[in-house]
Amino acid sequence: MKNDVFIVAAKRSPVGRAPTGQLSHVRADELVSQVTKGLLQSIKPMDYSAINDFILGCAMPEGEQGLNLARVVALMSGLPTTVAGMTVNRFCASGLSAIEFAYQRIALGEADLMLAGGVESMSRIPMGGFRSTLNASFLLDSVGQSLALGMGQTAENLAQQWHISREEQDAYALLSHQRALAAQRANYFTEETIPISVHYGEADLLHLVHKSRESVMMQDECPRPETSQASLSKLKPVFSVKGSVTAGNSSPLSDGAAMLLLASEKAIKEQQLTPMARVVGFHTTGVPPHIMGIGPVEAVPPLLRRHGINSQELDWIELNEAFAAQVLAVQKTCAFNPDRLNPLGSAIALGHPLGATGAIRTTTLVHGLQRTGGRYGMVTLCVGMGQGIAAVFEKV
């Protein structure tokens, strides 16, 4: 019999604009460590040795994000050495997959308390990593060639195949910014956000003299108040001369982290924790890589069918906005309630720090359900190389 699994705490960092925003000065391990500490401080004192494992998603686990980042961060966060750590990579879905794996451990009775989340510093680790290459012989195959396509080109493919105009994409991008800015003005993100200390350091060549100053980052950097339909229309296509995908209707490079604490009913009683949401379930699938953005179309229906939920019962839908074309293609097929779709904006306005995004969107969702009183919420993302993932949560 499967055990019920609950989210008892969820926090995230502000999202910084890469590569020159405030978080470009913060290593990924330090960033997610600050979020983890903030999350643990936000709940009642508990026995940290009761935490079974620490699972962290990261899309580019190289350089400063390498060396099994999860284990490093668990120790940096002051957790007991008994708390193990595992880093997982499913590109844009890494953070959500980390939550899924934690959920599975608890549901199977193998664990009672799990930390799970994601992190990405796109300022400090380049998209694609360091000298990553596909097998040259595989590139002779049509599937291999589709894997080599840039994400922007796959968005152009969606725009063409689903007949999505440049004007529609720009209008959607503008809506994302308007909703995100309205949410900031209403302080809707305050409760879920951990302020991040940013140190700016200077040193001489011998590192004998070190001067530093510190600031505290409180708010997402990516929403642009000056965005308008007119300003978006002036931007040139990035991925095809005659294309429609621009920097303005795509998600910006960004830095961020999020962390969640998942618990069994037993752990909630023993540690006197307060649940925010019940994890209903997950579904992950593959799709043709050249139209990778359509992933949610294949991930969402099986998940809802499995749990007997109609899409109209979803009170909040976080459909990650890798590109406006991708969101609109999914929406043309799934026909979600537009008022419940990304009500606070999403990645076009708020940023898309790859491995962190799934955990960030989940954090926003569970706080949003608590604030609005909605019952069911869903997080869904397209994933590089042709994948889709979806997860449903129920407010407690």
Protein backbone atom coordinates (compact mmCIF):
# COMPACT_ATOMS: atom_id res chain seq x y z
CA MET A 1 0.00 0.00 0.00
CA LYS A 2 1.36 3.41 -0.97
CA ASN A 3 1.96 5.94 1.80
CA ASP A 4 0.63 9.48 1.46
CA VAL A 5 3.37 12.07 0.95
CA PHE A 6 3.12 15.72 1.91
CA ILE A 7 5.04 18.93 1.27
CA VAL A 8 5.54 20.58 4.65
CA ALA A 9 7.79 23.47 3.60
CA ALA A 10 8.81 25.07 0.30
CA LYS A 11 11.15 28.00 -0.25
CA ARG A 12 13.08 29.51 -3.13
CA SER A 13 15.63 32.18 -3.83
CA PRO A 14 14.85 35.27 -5.84
CA VAL A 15 15.72 34.58 -9.48
CA GLY A 16 18.61 36.61 -10.87
CA ARG A 17 19.21 37.68 -14.44
CA ALA A 18 22.25 35.92 -15.95
CA PRO A 19 25.03 36.56 -16.60
CA THR A 20 25.26 39.99 -14.95
CA GLY A 21 22.65 39.98 -12.18
CA GLN A 22 23.28 39.94 -8.46
CA LEU A 23 23.35 36.14 -8.23
CA SER A 24 26.22 35.96 -10.72
CA HIS A 25 28.39 36.65 -7.67
CA VAL A 26 27.03 33.61 -5.78
CA ARG A 27 28.18 30.03 -6.35
CA ALA A 28 25.41 27.49 -6.85
CA ASP A 29 26.35 25.55 -3.72
CA GLU A 30 26.22 28.71 -1.60
CA LEU A 31 22.94 29.79 -3.19
CA VAL A 32 21.02 26.60 -2.53
CA SER A 33 22.65 26.24 0.90
CA GLN A 34 21.20 29.62 1.90
CA VAL A 35 17.78 28.51 0.67
CA THR A 36 18.03 25.20 2.56
CA LYS A 37 19.00 26.93 5.80
CA GLY A 38 16.18 29.42 5.35
CA LEU A 39 13.66 26.65 4.76
CA LEU A 40 14.71 24.76 7.90
CA GLN A 41 14.59 27.95 9.95
CA SER A 42 11.05 28.62 8.71
CA ILE A 43 9.58 25.56 10.42
CA LYS A 44 9.41 24.34 14.00
CA PRO A 45 12.68 23.04 15.46
CA MET A 46 12.99 19.42 14.45
CA ASP A 47 15.41 16.52 14.60
CA TYR A 48 17.49 16.97 11.44
CA SER A 49 18.95 13.50 11.85
CA ALA A 50 15.49 12.20 10.95
CA ILE A 51 15.97 13.47 7.39
CA ASN A 52 16.76 10.44 5.24
CA ASP A 53 18.20 11.97 2.09
CA PHE A 54 18.85 15.19 0.16
CA ILE A 55 18.07 15.12 -3.58
CA LEU A 56 19.08 18.06 -5.74
CA GLY A 57 18.34 18.69 -9.41
CA CYS A 58 20.89 20.45 -11.60
CA ALA A 59 20.88 20.60 -15.40
CA MET A 60 24.61 21.27 -15.80
CA PRO A 61 26.29 19.43 -12.89
CA GLU A 62 29.81 20.47 -13.88
CA GLY A 63 32.49 22.81 -12.54
CA GLU A 64 31.21 24.54 -9.41
CA GLN A 65 28.00 22.52 -9.77
CA GLY A 66 29.84 19.19 -9.92
CA LEU A 67 31.25 16.75 -7.34
CA ASN A 68 27.79 15.43 -6.33
CA LEU A 69 26.50 18.89 -5.49
CA ALA A 70 23.69 17.52 -3.31
CA ARG A 71 26.06 15.92 -0.81
CA VAL A 72 28.21 19.06 -0.70
CA VAL A 73 25.19 21.29 -0.10
CA ALA A 74 23.72 19.01 2.57
CA LEU A 75 26.93 19.37 4.58
CA MET A 76 27.27 23.10 3.83
CA SER A 77 23.74 23.56 5.16
CA GLY A 78 24.72 22.14 8.54
CA LEU A 79 22.81 18.89 8.23
CA PRO A 80 24.13 15.84 10.10
CA THR A 81 26.61 13.67 8.22
CA THR A 82 23.97 10.92 8.29
CA VAL A 83 21.92 12.84 5.69
CA ALA A 84 23.05 11.48 2.33
CA GLY A 85 22.94 13.39 -0.95
CA MET A 86 22.19 12.64 -4.61
CA THR A 87 22.34 14.97 -7.62
CA VAL A 88 19.93 14.28 -10.50
CA ASN A 89 19.81 15.65 -14.03
CA ARG A 90 16.78 15.79 -16.31
CA PHE A 91 17.69 19.17 -17.80
CA CYS A 92 14.79 21.62 -17.22
CA ALA A 93 12.87 19.05 -15.16
CA SER A 94 15.76 18.27 -12.79
CA GLY A 95 14.22 20.07 -9.81
CA LEU A 96 10.79 18.50 -10.33
CA SER A 97 12.35 15.06 -10.84
CA ALA A 98 14.22 15.49 -7.55
CA ILE A 99 10.86 16.05 -5.85
CA GLU A 100 9.46 13.00 -7.65
CA PHE A 101 12.28 10.74 -6.46
CA ALA A 102 11.86 11.98 -2.88
CA TYR A 103 8.12 11.34 -3.14
CA GLN A 104 8.72 7.80 -4.38
CA ARG A 105 11.04 6.96 -1.48
CA ILE A 106 8.45 8.07 1.07
CA ALA A 107 5.50 6.52 -0.79
CA LEU A 108 7.29 3.15 -0.80
CA GLY A 109 8.00 3.35 2.92
CA GLU A 110 11.77 3.61 2.46
CA ALA A 111 11.96 7.09 4.02
CA ASP A 112 9.89 9.50 6.11
CA LEU A 113 11.60 12.86 5.63
CA MET A 114 13.30 14.04 2.43
CA LEU A 115 14.74 17.32 1.23
CA ALA A 116 14.42 17.87 -2.52
CA GLY A 117 14.92 20.81 -4.84
CA GLY A 118 17.02 22.28 -7.60
CA VAL A 119 19.65 24.87 -8.42
CA GLU A 120 21.26 26.43 -11.47
CA SER A 121 23.77 29.21 -11.97
CA MET A 122 23.62 30.00 -15.67
CA SER A 123 25.94 32.92 -14.96
CA ARG A 124 28.75 30.67 -13.78
CA ILE A 125 28.23 27.41 -15.71
CA PRO A 126 27.52 27.83 -19.45
CA MET A 127 24.39 26.37 -20.99
CA GLY A 128 25.51 23.07 -22.48
CA GLY A 129 28.31 22.71 -19.96
CA PHE A 130 31.98 22.52 -20.80
CA ARG A 131 32.88 20.99 -24.19
CA SER A 132 29.88 18.64 -24.22
CA THR A 133 29.55 16.79 -27.53
CA LEU A 134 27.17 14.28 -29.07
CA ASN A 135 28.53 11.09 -30.58
CA ALA A 136 29.55 12.05 -34.14
CA SER A 137 28.27 8.78 -35.62
CA PHE A 138 24.85 9.37 -34.06
CA LEU A 139 24.63 12.75 -35.79
CA LEU A 140 24.33 10.85 -39.09
CA ASP A 141 20.96 9.61 -37.83
CA SER A 142 17.87 11.83 -38.15
CA VAL A 143 17.08 11.45 -34.43
CA GLY A 144 20.63 12.39 -33.55
CA GLN A 145 20.37 15.45 -35.76
CA SER A 146 17.18 16.50 -33.97
CA LEU A 147 18.98 16.22 -30.63
CA ALA A 148 21.54 18.71 -31.89
CA LEU A 149 18.92 21.38 -32.56
CA GLY A 150 19.01 24.42 -30.32
CA MET A 151 16.02 24.89 -28.04
CA GLY A 152 15.07 28.06 -29.88
CA GLN A 153 14.88 26.22 -33.18
CA THR A 154 12.53 23.66 -31.63
CA ALA A 155 10.32 26.58 -30.58
CA GLU A 156 10.35 27.85 -34.17
CA ASN A 157 9.25 24.37 -35.25
CA LEU A 158 6.29 24.57 -32.86
CA ALA A 159 5.32 28.04 -34.08
CA GLN A 160 5.26 26.78 -37.67
CA GLN A 161 3.52 23.48 -37.00
CA TRP A 162 0.84 24.97 -34.70
CA HIS A 163 0.47 28.18 -36.76
CA ILE A 164 1.38 30.54 -33.94
CA SER A 165 2.05 34.10 -35.06
CA ARG A 166 4.71 36.50 -33.86
CA GLU A 167 1.95 38.80 -32.56
CA GLU A 168 0.44 35.98 -30.46
CA GLN A 169 3.83 35.16 -28.96
CA ASP A 170 4.57 38.79 -28.09
CA ALA A 171 1.11 39.26 -26.59
CA TYR A 172 1.61 36.23 -24.39
CA ALA A 173 5.07 37.42 -23.30
CA LEU A 174 3.61 40.80 -22.35
CA LEU A 175 0.90 39.08 -20.29
CA SER A 176 3.57 37.11 -18.42
CA HIS A 177 5.39 40.31 -17.46
CA GLN A 178 2.17 42.06 -16.47
CA ARG A 179 1.13 39.19 -14.21
CA ALA A 180 4.57 38.86 -12.62
CA LEU A 181 4.81 42.59 -11.94
CA ALA A 182 1.31 42.61 -10.43
CA ALA A 183 2.30 39.69 -8.20
CA GLN A 184 5.41 41.55 -7.05
CA ARG A 185 3.35 44.65 -6.22
CA ALA A 186 0.94 42.48 -4.22
CA ASN A 187 3.86 40.81 -2.38
CA TYR A 188 2.61 37.37 -3.45
CA PHE A 189 6.17 36.03 -3.73
CA THR A 190 7.36 37.31 -0.34
CA GLU A 191 6.32 34.30 1.75
CA GLU A 192 8.00 31.78 -0.54
CA THR A 193 11.26 33.70 -1.04
CA ILE A 194 14.43 33.48 1.06
CA PRO A 195 16.52 36.69 0.85
CA ILE A 196 20.00 35.88 -0.43
CA SER A 197 23.20 37.45 0.89
CA VAL A 198 25.48 38.46 -1.98
CA HIS A 199 29.16 39.13 -1.34
CA TYR A 200 31.14 41.25 -3.78
CA GLY A 201 34.86 40.62 -3.25
CA GLU A 202 38.10 42.15 -4.46
CA ALA A 203 41.60 40.76 -3.94
CA ASP A 204 45.11 41.57 -5.10
CA LEU A 205 47.08 39.10 -7.23
CA LEU A 206 48.58 37.37 -4.19
CA HIS A 207 45.22 37.30 -2.38
CA LEU A 208 46.90 38.99 0.57
CA VAL A 209 44.34 41.78 0.72
CA HIS A 210 40.65 41.03 0.46
CA LYS A 211 37.92 43.62 0.51
CA SER A 212 34.28 42.75 0.28
CA ARG A 213 30.87 44.30 0.53
CA GLU A 214 27.55 42.61 1.01
CA SER A 215 24.03 43.19 -0.19
CA VAL A 216 20.81 41.25 0.26
CA MET A 217 18.76 40.25 -2.78
CA MET A 218 15.05 40.22 -1.99
CA GLN A 219 13.21 40.16 -5.32
CA ASP A 220 13.26 38.53 -8.76
CA GLU A 221 15.27 40.55 -11.28
CA CYS A 222 13.78 39.43 -14.59
CA PRO A 223 10.35 41.12 -14.79
CA ARG A 224 10.59 44.28 -16.92
CA PRO A 225 8.13 47.12 -16.19
CA GLU A 226 9.03 48.79 -19.48
CA THR A 227 7.88 45.81 -21.57
CA SER A 228 5.17 46.65 -24.10
CA GLN A 229 3.72 45.14 -27.25
CA ALA A 230 5.53 47.84 -29.22
CA SER A 231 8.92 47.18 -27.65
CA LEU A 232 8.55 43.43 -28.12
CA SER A 233 7.61 43.88 -31.78
CA LYS A 234 10.90 45.68 -32.49
CA LEU A 235 13.06 42.71 -31.46
CA LYS A 236 14.61 40.63 -34.22
CA PRO A 237 14.21 36.84 -34.41
CA VAL A 238 17.13 35.05 -32.79
CA PHE A 239 17.05 31.55 -34.22
CA SER A 240 15.87 32.03 -37.82
CA VAL A 241 16.04 35.06 -40.11
CA LYS A 242 12.38 34.68 -41.02
CA GLY A 243 11.38 33.28 -37.64
CA SER A 244 9.17 34.59 -34.85
CA VAL A 245 11.00 33.55 -31.66
CA THR A 246 12.83 36.47 -30.07
CA ALA A 247 14.62 37.23 -26.82
CA GLY A 248 11.44 38.99 -25.72
CA ASN A 249 9.11 36.02 -26.10
CA SER A 250 11.62 33.51 -24.71
CA SER A 251 12.70 32.88 -21.13
CA PRO A 252 15.91 34.70 -20.11
CA LEU A 253 19.08 33.05 -18.82
CA SER A 254 18.88 33.15 -15.04
CA ASP A 255 20.15 31.93 -11.68
CA GLY A 256 18.09 30.48 -8.86
CA ALA A 257 17.38 27.70 -6.37
CA ALA A 258 14.50 26.13 -4.47
CA MET A 259 14.14 23.53 -1.73
CA LEU A 260 11.19 21.56 -0.36
CA LEU A 261 10.74 19.30 2.66
CA LEU A 262 8.60 16.22 2.03
CA ALA A 263 7.24 14.05 4.82
CA SER A 264 5.17 10.98 5.56
CA GLU A 265 2.14 11.18 7.85
CA LYS A 266 4.23 9.46 10.50
CA ALA A 267 6.99 12.08 10.31
CA ILE A 268 4.45 14.91 10.42
CA LYS A 269 3.10 13.57 13.71
CA GLU A 270 6.51 12.80 15.22
CA GLN A 271 8.09 16.13 14.25
CA GLN A 272 4.88 18.18 14.76
CA LEU A 273 4.99 19.55 11.22
CA THR A 274 2.17 21.27 9.32
CA PRO A 275 1.48 19.98 5.79
CA MET A 276 0.91 22.42 2.92
CA ALA A 277 -0.01 20.00 0.14
CA ARG A 278 -0.35 16.31 -0.63
CA VAL A 279 1.63 14.97 -3.56
CA VAL A 280 -0.88 13.32 -5.88
CA GLY A 281 1.49 11.94 -8.53
CA PHE A 282 3.84 12.41 -11.47
CA HIS A 283 4.15 11.38 -15.09
CA THR A 284 7.19 11.64 -17.35
CA THR A 285 7.39 10.82 -21.05
CA GLY A 286 9.42 11.34 -24.19
CA VAL A 287 8.45 13.24 -27.36
CA PRO A 288 10.21 13.92 -30.69
CA PRO A 289 13.26 16.08 -29.87
CA HIS A 290 12.63 18.53 -32.73
CA ILE A 291 9.35 19.61 -31.05
CA MET A 292 10.48 19.10 -27.47
CA GLY A 293 8.23 21.92 -26.23
CA ILE A 294 5.14 19.81 -26.76
CA GLY A 295 6.20 17.51 -23.89
CA PRO A 296 3.38 18.56 -21.51
CA VAL A 297 0.77 17.53 -24.09
CA GLU A 298 1.91 13.92 -23.67
CA ALA A 299 2.68 14.07 -19.93
CA VAL A 300 -0.48 15.69 -18.57
CA PRO A 301 -3.39 13.47 -19.83
CA PRO A 302 -2.03 10.13 -18.52
CA LEU A 303 -1.38 11.71 -15.12
CA LEU A 304 -4.87 13.17 -14.83
CA ARG A 305 -6.50 9.93 -16.02
CA ARG A 306 -4.54 7.86 -13.52
CA HIS A 307 -5.85 9.93 -10.63
CA GLY A 308 -9.35 10.59 -11.93
CA ILE A 309 -8.91 14.34 -12.22
CA ASN A 310 -10.44 16.48 -14.97
CA SER A 311 -8.34 19.37 -16.27
CA GLN A 312 -11.16 21.76 -15.31
CA GLU A 313 -10.67 20.69 -11.68
CA LEU A 314 -7.17 22.18 -11.70
CA ASP A 315 -7.32 25.46 -9.79
CA TRP A 316 -3.73 26.46 -10.57
CA ILE A 317 -1.52 25.40 -13.48
CA GLU A 318 2.18 26.18 -13.64
CA LEU A 319 3.14 25.52 -17.27
CA ASN A 320 6.75 26.57 -17.53
CA GLU A 321 7.30 29.24 -20.17
CA ALA A 322 10.48 28.20 -21.93
CA PHE A 323 9.09 30.02 -24.99
CA ALA A 324 5.78 31.71 -25.71
CA ALA A 325 5.43 29.53 -28.82
CA GLN A 326 5.77 26.43 -26.66
CA VAL A 327 3.14 27.54 -24.14
CA LEU A 328 0.69 28.51 -26.89
CA ALA A 329 1.20 25.20 -28.72
CA VAL A 330 0.47 23.27 -25.53
CA GLN A 331 -2.53 25.48 -24.77
CA LYS A 332 -3.97 24.96 -28.28
CA THR A 333 -4.01 21.23 -27.58
CA CYS A 334 -4.86 21.07 -23.87
CA ALA A 335 -7.22 24.09 -23.60
CA PHE A 336 -6.47 24.84 -19.96
CA ASN A 337 -8.53 27.52 -18.24
CA PRO A 338 -6.52 30.64 -19.24
CA ASP A 339 -7.29 32.41 -15.96
CA ARG A 340 -5.74 29.53 -14.01
CA LEU A 341 -2.72 29.17 -16.28
CA ASN A 342 0.40 30.87 -14.86
CA PRO A 343 -1.64 33.45 -12.90
CA LEU A 344 1.52 35.10 -11.53
CA GLY A 345 3.50 34.90 -14.76
CA SER A 346 6.17 32.31 -15.39
CA ALA A 347 9.61 31.89 -16.91
CA ILE A 348 9.36 34.51 -19.67
CA ALA A 349 9.01 37.17 -16.97
CA LEU A 350 10.43 35.42 -13.92
CA GLY A 351 13.37 33.51 -15.41
CA HIS A 352 14.20 29.87 -16.07
CA PRO A 353 17.23 28.68 -14.08
CA LEU A 354 17.07 25.23 -15.71
CA GLY A 355 17.63 22.66 -12.94
CA ALA A 356 15.88 24.83 -10.34
CA THR A 357 12.78 25.71 -12.33
CA GLY A 358 10.63 22.68 -11.54
CA ALA A 359 11.21 23.16 -7.82
CA ILE A 360 10.63 26.93 -8.09
CA ARG A 361 7.34 26.44 -9.95
CA THR A 362 6.23 23.88 -7.34
CA THR A 363 7.10 26.26 -4.52
CA THR A 364 5.03 29.03 -6.10
CA LEU A 365 2.17 26.61 -6.70
CA VAL A 366 1.84 25.26 -3.15
CA HIS A 367 2.04 28.76 -1.66
CA GLY A 368 -0.52 29.94 -4.21
CA LEU A 369 -2.96 27.16 -3.32
CA GLN A 370 -2.60 28.03 0.36
CA ARG A 371 -3.28 31.70 -0.33
CA THR A 372 -6.24 31.23 -2.68
CA GLY A 373 -7.85 28.13 -1.19
CA GLY A 374 -7.67 26.16 -4.43
CA ARG A 375 -7.67 22.37 -4.21
CA TYR A 376 -5.66 20.89 -7.09
CA GLY A 377 -2.61 22.40 -8.76
CA MET A 378 -0.32 21.11 -11.49
CA VAL A 379 3.26 21.80 -12.51
CA THR A 380 4.34 20.79 -16.01
CA LEU A 381 7.43 21.43 -18.11
CA CYS A 382 8.87 20.64 -21.50
CA VAL A 383 12.38 19.23 -21.29
CA GLY A 384 15.39 19.44 -23.57
CA MET A 385 16.05 16.56 -25.99
CA GLY A 386 12.34 15.79 -26.16
CA GLN A 387 10.71 15.02 -22.82
CA GLY A 388 7.72 16.16 -20.80
CA ILE A 389 6.88 15.99 -17.11
CA ALA A 390 3.81 16.80 -15.04
CA ALA A 391 2.96 16.65 -11.34
CA VAL A 392 -0.28 17.24 -9.44
CA PHE A 393 -0.56 18.47 -5.86
CA GLU A 394 -3.58 18.85 -3.55
CA LYS A 395 -3.81 21.58 -0.93
CA VAL A 396 -4.14 20.34 2.65
